[in-house]
Amino acid sequence: MARDFEQFPDDDNGNVLWQMAEDGNDLTMPYEIEYSIIFAEKQQAEQCALYLLHQEQKVSLYEEEESESNYWVVSAYVEIIPQYEDINDLEQWFIRIADKFAGEYDGWGCIAYDYEQDDLESDGLYGDTPEAKN
């Protein structure tokens, strides 16, 4: 299949969506997309998580202890059909929220499944987060 650069522009988000399509994921179906923001201080993370809850977002808050410098992560989970414009619009919204609460936007990701496998094992982690790029 030839890449449609209007549907999958040549940038991080377009590349991730193109890879998902190339791997056989149905991008006309909804996926739960995880957008993450990191914070140095717990109080900032809690304020951001509360704000997102008031915006009717599904959120998680945890302390990342596996890195050398502990930090707090707020993730919001949005179920959408992964289209480039929607991914970008939400990304810009989360960047503004990160700035508002003195956090740093850390990217988005999702898990896609290969439904042809009998055991429904994960087909892969997709997104523009450092974990998904490794």
N, C-alpha and C. Protein backbone atom coordinates (compact mmCIF):
# COMPACT_ATOMS: atom_id res chain seq x y z
N MET A 1 0.85 -1.18 0.00
CA MET A 1 0.00 0.00 0.00
C MET A 1 0.90 1.23 0.00
N ALA A 2 0.58 2.19 -0.85
CA ALA A 2 1.34 3.44 -0.92
C ALA A 2 0.84 4.40 0.15
N ARG A 3 1.75 5.11 0.77
CA ARG A 3 1.40 6.04 1.85
C ARG A 3 0.71 7.28 1.29
N ASP A 4 -0.43 7.60 1.87
CA ASP A 4 -1.17 8.82 1.55
C ASP A 4 -0.70 9.89 2.54
N PHE A 5 0.12 10.86 2.07
CA PHE A 5 0.71 11.85 2.95
C PHE A 5 -0.30 12.89 3.44
N GLU A 6 -1.48 12.94 2.85
CA GLU A 6 -2.54 13.80 3.41
C GLU A 6 -3.14 13.14 4.64
N GLN A 7 -3.32 11.84 4.59
CA GLN A 7 -3.87 11.11 5.73
C GLN A 7 -2.79 10.82 6.78
N PHE A 8 -1.55 10.59 6.34
CA PHE A 8 -0.43 10.25 7.21
C PHE A 8 0.75 11.16 6.91
N PRO A 9 0.71 12.42 7.37
CA PRO A 9 1.81 13.36 7.09
C PRO A 9 3.15 12.85 7.61
N ASP A 10 4.22 13.42 7.08
CA ASP A 10 5.57 13.00 7.43
C ASP A 10 6.05 13.73 8.69
N ASP A 11 5.48 13.35 9.84
CA ASP A 11 5.92 13.84 11.14
C ASP A 11 5.70 12.70 12.14
N ASP A 12 6.02 12.94 13.42
CA ASP A 12 5.92 11.86 14.41
C ASP A 12 4.54 11.22 14.42
N ASN A 13 3.49 12.04 14.51
CA ASN A 13 2.14 11.48 14.59
C ASN A 13 1.74 10.76 13.31
N GLY A 14 2.03 11.35 12.19
CA GLY A 14 1.72 10.70 10.91
C GLY A 14 2.49 9.40 10.75
N ASN A 15 3.74 9.38 11.18
CA ASN A 15 4.55 8.16 11.07
C ASN A 15 4.00 7.05 11.96
N VAL A 16 3.58 7.39 13.17
CA VAL A 16 3.03 6.37 14.07
C VAL A 16 1.74 5.80 13.49
N LEU A 17 0.86 6.67 13.02
CA LEU A 17 -0.40 6.20 12.44
C LEU A 17 -0.15 5.37 11.19
N TRP A 18 0.82 5.77 10.38
CA TRP A 18 1.16 5.00 9.18
C TRP A 18 1.68 3.61 9.58
N GLN A 19 2.52 3.55 10.61
CA GLN A 19 3.05 2.26 11.06
C GLN A 19 1.91 1.36 11.55
N MET A 20 0.96 1.95 12.27
CA MET A 20 -0.19 1.17 12.73
C MET A 20 -0.95 0.60 11.54
N ALA A 21 -1.19 1.45 10.53
CA ALA A 21 -1.91 1.00 9.34
C ALA A 21 -1.12 -0.09 8.61
N GLU A 22 0.19 0.10 8.47
CA GLU A 22 1.04 -0.88 7.81
C GLU A 22 1.04 -2.22 8.54
N ASP A 23 0.90 -2.18 9.87
CA ASP A 23 0.88 -3.40 10.67
C ASP A 23 -0.49 -4.09 10.64
N GLY A 24 -1.43 -3.50 9.91
CA GLY A 24 -2.73 -4.15 9.75
C GLY A 24 -3.79 -3.72 10.75
N ASN A 25 -3.51 -2.68 11.54
CA ASN A 25 -4.51 -2.20 12.49
C ASN A 25 -5.60 -1.43 11.75
N ASP A 26 -6.83 -1.65 12.16
CA ASP A 26 -7.98 -1.00 11.54
C ASP A 26 -8.17 0.38 12.16
N LEU A 27 -7.75 1.42 11.45
CA LEU A 27 -7.82 2.78 11.97
C LEU A 27 -9.20 3.41 11.80
N THR A 28 -10.18 2.61 11.42
CA THR A 28 -11.56 3.11 11.40
C THR A 28 -12.29 2.70 12.68
N MET A 29 -11.60 1.95 13.54
CA MET A 29 -12.17 1.51 14.82
C MET A 29 -11.58 2.36 15.95
N PRO A 30 -12.34 2.54 17.04
CA PRO A 30 -11.80 3.33 18.16
C PRO A 30 -10.70 2.58 18.91
N TYR A 31 -9.74 3.35 19.39
CA TYR A 31 -8.65 2.87 20.23
C TYR A 31 -8.60 3.75 21.47
N GLU A 32 -8.10 3.20 22.57
CA GLU A 32 -7.87 4.01 23.75
C GLU A 32 -6.47 4.59 23.64
N ILE A 33 -6.41 5.90 23.46
CA ILE A 33 -5.15 6.61 23.31
C ILE A 33 -4.76 7.18 24.67
N GLU A 34 -3.52 6.94 25.08
CA GLU A 34 -3.02 7.44 26.36
C GLU A 34 -2.12 8.64 26.10
N TYR A 35 -2.49 9.78 26.69
CA TYR A 35 -1.69 11.00 26.63
C TYR A 35 -1.07 11.20 28.01
N SER A 36 0.24 11.44 28.08
CA SER A 36 0.92 11.53 29.37
C SER A 36 1.61 12.87 29.57
N ILE A 37 1.57 13.32 30.83
CA ILE A 37 2.23 14.55 31.27
C ILE A 37 3.05 14.18 32.50
N ILE A 38 4.30 14.68 32.55
CA ILE A 38 5.14 14.38 33.71
C ILE A 38 5.34 15.64 34.55
N PHE A 39 5.52 15.40 35.86
CA PHE A 39 5.67 16.49 36.83
C PHE A 39 6.79 16.17 37.80
N ALA A 40 7.48 17.21 38.23
CA ALA A 40 8.52 17.05 39.24
C ALA A 40 7.91 16.94 40.64
N GLU A 41 6.76 17.58 40.84
CA GLU A 41 6.15 17.65 42.16
C GLU A 41 4.78 16.96 42.17
N LYS A 42 4.52 16.23 43.24
CA LYS A 42 3.26 15.52 43.39
C LYS A 42 2.06 16.47 43.38
N GLN A 43 2.18 17.61 44.04
CA GLN A 43 1.07 18.55 44.13
C GLN A 43 0.63 19.05 42.76
N GLN A 44 1.59 19.33 41.88
CA GLN A 44 1.26 19.77 40.52
C GLN A 44 0.53 18.66 39.77
N ALA A 45 1.02 17.44 39.93
CA ALA A 45 0.40 16.30 39.26
C ALA A 45 -1.03 16.09 39.76
N GLU A 46 -1.23 16.20 41.06
CA GLU A 46 -2.58 16.04 41.62
C GLU A 46 -3.53 17.11 41.11
N GLN A 47 -3.05 18.36 41.04
CA GLN A 47 -3.89 19.45 40.54
C GLN A 47 -4.27 19.21 39.08
N CYS A 48 -3.32 18.76 38.30
CA CYS A 48 -3.59 18.47 36.89
C CYS A 48 -4.59 17.32 36.75
N ALA A 49 -4.39 16.26 37.52
CA ALA A 49 -5.29 15.10 37.46
C ALA A 49 -6.71 15.52 37.84
N LEU A 50 -6.83 16.34 38.87
CA LEU A 50 -8.15 16.82 39.29
C LEU A 50 -8.80 17.67 38.19
N TYR A 51 -8.01 18.53 37.57
CA TYR A 51 -8.51 19.34 36.46
C TYR A 51 -9.04 18.45 35.34
N LEU A 52 -8.26 17.42 34.98
CA LEU A 52 -8.67 16.52 33.91
C LEU A 52 -9.94 15.74 34.29
N LEU A 53 -10.05 15.37 35.55
CA LEU A 53 -11.29 14.70 36.00
C LEU A 53 -12.49 15.63 35.84
N HIS A 54 -12.30 16.90 36.15
CA HIS A 54 -13.39 17.88 35.97
C HIS A 54 -13.72 18.08 34.48
N GLN A 55 -12.77 17.76 33.62
CA GLN A 55 -13.00 17.81 32.17
C GLN A 55 -13.55 16.48 31.65
N GLU A 56 -13.95 15.62 32.59
CA GLU A 56 -14.54 14.31 32.29
C GLU A 56 -13.59 13.38 31.55
N GLN A 57 -12.32 13.43 31.92
CA GLN A 57 -11.32 12.55 31.34
C GLN A 57 -11.06 11.38 32.29
N LYS A 58 -10.77 10.23 31.72
CA LYS A 58 -10.33 9.06 32.49
C LYS A 58 -8.83 9.26 32.73
N VAL A 59 -8.41 9.27 34.00
CA VAL A 59 -7.01 9.58 34.31
C VAL A 59 -6.39 8.56 35.25
N SER A 60 -5.07 8.52 35.23
CA SER A 60 -4.29 7.79 36.22
C SER A 60 -3.17 8.71 36.68
N LEU A 61 -2.72 8.50 37.91
CA LEU A 61 -1.64 9.27 38.50
C LEU A 61 -0.74 8.31 39.24
N TYR A 62 0.55 8.36 38.95
CA TYR A 62 1.49 7.47 39.65
C TYR A 62 2.87 8.11 39.69
N GLU A 63 3.67 7.63 40.63
CA GLU A 63 5.05 8.07 40.74
C GLU A 63 5.92 7.09 39.95
N GLU A 64 6.72 7.64 39.06
CA GLU A 64 7.65 6.83 38.28
C GLU A 64 8.91 6.64 39.10
N GLU A 65 9.13 5.44 39.55
CA GLU A 65 10.26 5.16 40.43
C GLU A 65 11.39 4.42 39.74
N GLU A 66 11.19 4.03 38.49
CA GLU A 66 12.20 3.24 37.79
C GLU A 66 13.31 4.07 37.17
N SER A 67 13.14 5.38 37.13
CA SER A 67 14.19 6.23 36.56
C SER A 67 15.07 6.75 37.70
N GLU A 68 16.19 7.35 37.33
CA GLU A 68 17.10 7.89 38.33
C GLU A 68 16.48 9.03 39.11
N SER A 69 15.70 9.85 38.46
CA SER A 69 15.02 10.95 39.15
C SER A 69 13.53 10.65 39.19
N ASN A 70 13.00 10.49 40.38
CA ASN A 70 11.58 10.19 40.51
C ASN A 70 10.74 11.36 40.01
N TYR A 71 9.67 11.06 39.34
CA TYR A 71 8.74 12.08 38.89
C TYR A 71 7.34 11.49 38.89
N TRP A 72 6.37 12.34 38.72
CA TRP A 72 4.96 11.95 38.74
C TRP A 72 4.41 11.98 37.33
N VAL A 73 3.56 11.02 37.02
CA VAL A 73 2.98 10.92 35.68
C VAL A 73 1.46 10.97 35.80
N VAL A 74 0.87 11.85 35.02
CA VAL A 74 -0.58 11.89 34.85
C VAL A 74 -0.86 11.44 33.43
N SER A 75 -1.69 10.42 33.30
CA SER A 75 -2.09 9.95 31.98
C SER A 75 -3.59 10.09 31.84
N ALA A 76 -4.02 10.53 30.68
CA ALA A 76 -5.44 10.61 30.35
C ALA A 76 -5.69 9.64 29.21
N TYR A 77 -6.81 8.94 29.28
CA TYR A 77 -7.14 7.90 28.32
C TYR A 77 -8.37 8.33 27.54
N VAL A 78 -8.19 8.52 26.24
CA VAL A 78 -9.25 9.02 25.38
C VAL A 78 -9.55 7.97 24.33
N GLU A 79 -10.80 7.54 24.26
CA GLU A 79 -11.18 6.56 23.23
C GLU A 79 -11.67 7.30 22.00
N ILE A 80 -10.87 7.16 20.93
CA ILE A 80 -11.19 7.83 19.67
C ILE A 80 -10.80 6.94 18.50
N ILE A 81 -11.34 7.28 17.35
CA ILE A 81 -10.86 6.69 16.10
C ILE A 81 -9.59 7.47 15.76
N PRO A 82 -8.44 6.80 15.66
CA PRO A 82 -7.17 7.51 15.53
C PRO A 82 -6.95 8.15 14.16
N GLN A 83 -7.41 9.37 14.04
CA GLN A 83 -7.19 10.14 12.82
C GLN A 83 -6.19 11.25 13.13
N TYR A 84 -5.38 11.57 12.18
CA TYR A 84 -4.28 12.51 12.36
C TYR A 84 -4.72 13.82 13.00
N GLU A 85 -5.76 14.44 12.47
CA GLU A 85 -6.19 15.74 12.97
C GLU A 85 -6.64 15.65 14.42
N ASP A 86 -7.37 14.59 14.77
CA ASP A 86 -7.85 14.43 16.14
C ASP A 86 -6.69 14.18 17.11
N ILE A 87 -5.74 13.34 16.70
CA ILE A 87 -4.56 13.08 17.53
C ILE A 87 -3.82 14.39 17.78
N ASN A 88 -3.61 15.19 16.74
CA ASN A 88 -2.90 16.46 16.88
C ASN A 88 -3.67 17.45 17.74
N ASP A 89 -4.98 17.56 17.54
CA ASP A 89 -5.79 18.48 18.34
C ASP A 89 -5.71 18.13 19.82
N LEU A 90 -5.86 16.85 20.13
CA LEU A 90 -5.76 16.43 21.53
C LEU A 90 -4.36 16.65 22.08
N GLU A 91 -3.36 16.39 21.27
CA GLU A 91 -1.98 16.61 21.70
C GLU A 91 -1.77 18.08 22.07
N GLN A 92 -2.25 18.98 21.25
CA GLN A 92 -2.11 20.41 21.55
C GLN A 92 -2.86 20.79 22.82
N TRP A 93 -4.03 20.20 23.05
CA TRP A 93 -4.79 20.45 24.27
C TRP A 93 -4.01 19.99 25.50
N PHE A 94 -3.43 18.80 25.43
CA PHE A 94 -2.66 18.29 26.56
C PHE A 94 -1.36 19.08 26.77
N ILE A 95 -0.77 19.60 25.73
CA ILE A 95 0.41 20.46 25.87
C ILE A 95 0.04 21.73 26.63
N ARG A 96 -1.11 22.33 26.30
CA ARG A 96 -1.56 23.53 27.02
C ARG A 96 -1.85 23.22 28.49
N ILE A 97 -2.44 22.06 28.75
CA ILE A 97 -2.71 21.66 30.13
C ILE A 97 -1.40 21.44 30.88
N ALA A 98 -0.44 20.79 30.25
CA ALA A 98 0.86 20.58 30.88
C ALA A 98 1.49 21.92 31.25
N ASP A 99 1.45 22.88 30.34
CA ASP A 99 2.01 24.20 30.62
C ASP A 99 1.27 24.88 31.77
N LYS A 100 -0.04 24.74 31.80
CA LYS A 100 -0.86 25.38 32.84
C LYS A 100 -0.48 24.89 34.24
N PHE A 101 -0.06 23.63 34.37
CA PHE A 101 0.24 23.06 35.66
C PHE A 101 1.74 22.80 35.86
N ALA A 102 2.58 23.48 35.05
CA ALA A 102 4.04 23.38 35.16
C ALA A 102 4.54 21.94 34.97
N GLY A 103 3.90 21.24 34.05
CA GLY A 103 4.33 19.89 33.72
C GLY A 103 4.96 19.87 32.34
N GLU A 104 5.34 18.69 31.91
CA GLU A 104 5.93 18.51 30.59
C GLU A 104 5.17 17.42 29.85
N TYR A 105 4.61 17.77 28.70
CA TYR A 105 3.91 16.79 27.89
C TYR A 105 4.89 15.71 27.46
N ASP A 106 4.51 14.44 27.63
CA ASP A 106 5.42 13.33 27.37
C ASP A 106 5.02 12.49 26.16
N GLY A 107 3.91 12.80 25.52
CA GLY A 107 3.54 12.08 24.32
C GLY A 107 2.29 11.23 24.48
N TRP A 108 1.98 10.49 23.42
CA TRP A 108 0.79 9.64 23.41
C TRP A 108 1.18 8.25 22.95
N GLY A 109 0.31 7.32 23.23
CA GLY A 109 0.53 5.96 22.78
C GLY A 109 -0.74 5.15 22.90
N CYS A 110 -0.72 3.98 22.32
CA CYS A 110 -1.84 3.06 22.45
C CYS A 110 -1.32 1.65 22.19
N ILE A 111 -2.09 0.70 22.62
CA ILE A 111 -1.77 -0.70 22.37
C ILE A 111 -2.75 -1.20 21.32
N ALA A 112 -2.21 -1.81 20.30
CA ALA A 112 -3.04 -2.38 19.25
C ALA A 112 -2.92 -3.89 19.33
N TYR A 113 -3.95 -4.57 18.90
CA TYR A 113 -3.99 -6.03 18.99
C TYR A 113 -4.12 -6.66 17.62
N ASP A 114 -3.56 -7.84 17.51
CA ASP A 114 -3.70 -8.64 16.30
C ASP A 114 -4.82 -9.64 16.58
N TYR A 115 -6.01 -9.34 16.09
CA TYR A 115 -7.18 -10.16 16.39
C TYR A 115 -7.19 -11.49 15.65
N GLU A 116 -6.25 -11.70 14.75
CA GLU A 116 -6.18 -12.98 14.05
C GLU A 116 -5.44 -14.03 14.87
N GLN A 117 -4.73 -13.60 15.90
CA GLN A 117 -4.04 -14.55 16.77
C GLN A 117 -5.05 -15.15 17.74
N ASP A 118 -4.91 -16.44 18.00
CA ASP A 118 -5.85 -17.12 18.89
C ASP A 118 -5.83 -16.57 20.30
N ASP A 119 -4.64 -16.21 20.80
CA ASP A 119 -4.55 -15.79 22.20
C ASP A 119 -4.63 -14.27 22.37
N LEU A 120 -4.88 -13.51 21.32
CA LEU A 120 -5.03 -12.07 21.38
C LEU A 120 -3.85 -11.38 22.05
N GLU A 121 -2.64 -11.85 21.76
CA GLU A 121 -1.46 -11.20 22.31
C GLU A 121 -1.34 -9.79 21.75
N SER A 122 -0.70 -8.92 22.52
CA SER A 122 -0.49 -7.55 22.08
C SER A 122 0.33 -7.54 20.80
N ASP A 123 -0.11 -6.77 19.83
CA ASP A 123 0.60 -6.63 18.58
C ASP A 123 1.68 -5.56 18.69
N GLY A 124 1.55 -4.64 19.63
CA GLY A 124 2.59 -3.63 19.77
C GLY A 124 2.12 -2.40 20.48
N LEU A 125 3.10 -1.65 20.95
CA LEU A 125 2.87 -0.38 21.59
C LEU A 125 3.18 0.69 20.56
N TYR A 126 2.24 1.57 20.32
CA TYR A 126 2.41 2.63 19.34
C TYR A 126 2.30 3.97 20.02
N GLY A 127 3.00 4.96 19.49
CA GLY A 127 2.89 6.31 20.00
C GLY A 127 4.17 7.07 19.81
N ASP A 128 4.16 8.29 20.33
CA ASP A 128 5.34 9.12 20.21
C ASP A 128 6.05 9.30 21.55
N THR A 129 5.73 8.44 22.52
CA THR A 129 6.42 8.48 23.80
C THR A 129 7.77 7.79 23.67
N PRO A 130 8.72 8.10 24.55
CA PRO A 130 10.02 7.42 24.49
C PRO A 130 9.90 5.91 24.58
N GLU A 131 8.97 5.39 25.38
CA GLU A 131 8.81 3.95 25.52
C GLU A 131 8.37 3.30 24.20
N ALA A 132 7.48 3.96 23.49
CA ALA A 132 6.96 3.39 22.25
C ALA A 132 8.00 3.47 21.13
N LYS A 133 8.92 4.40 21.21
CA LYS A 133 9.92 4.57 20.17
C LYS A 133 11.06 3.56 20.30
N ASN A 134 11.20 2.95 21.46
CA ASN A 134 12.29 1.99 21.67
C ASN A 134 12.00 0.67 21.03
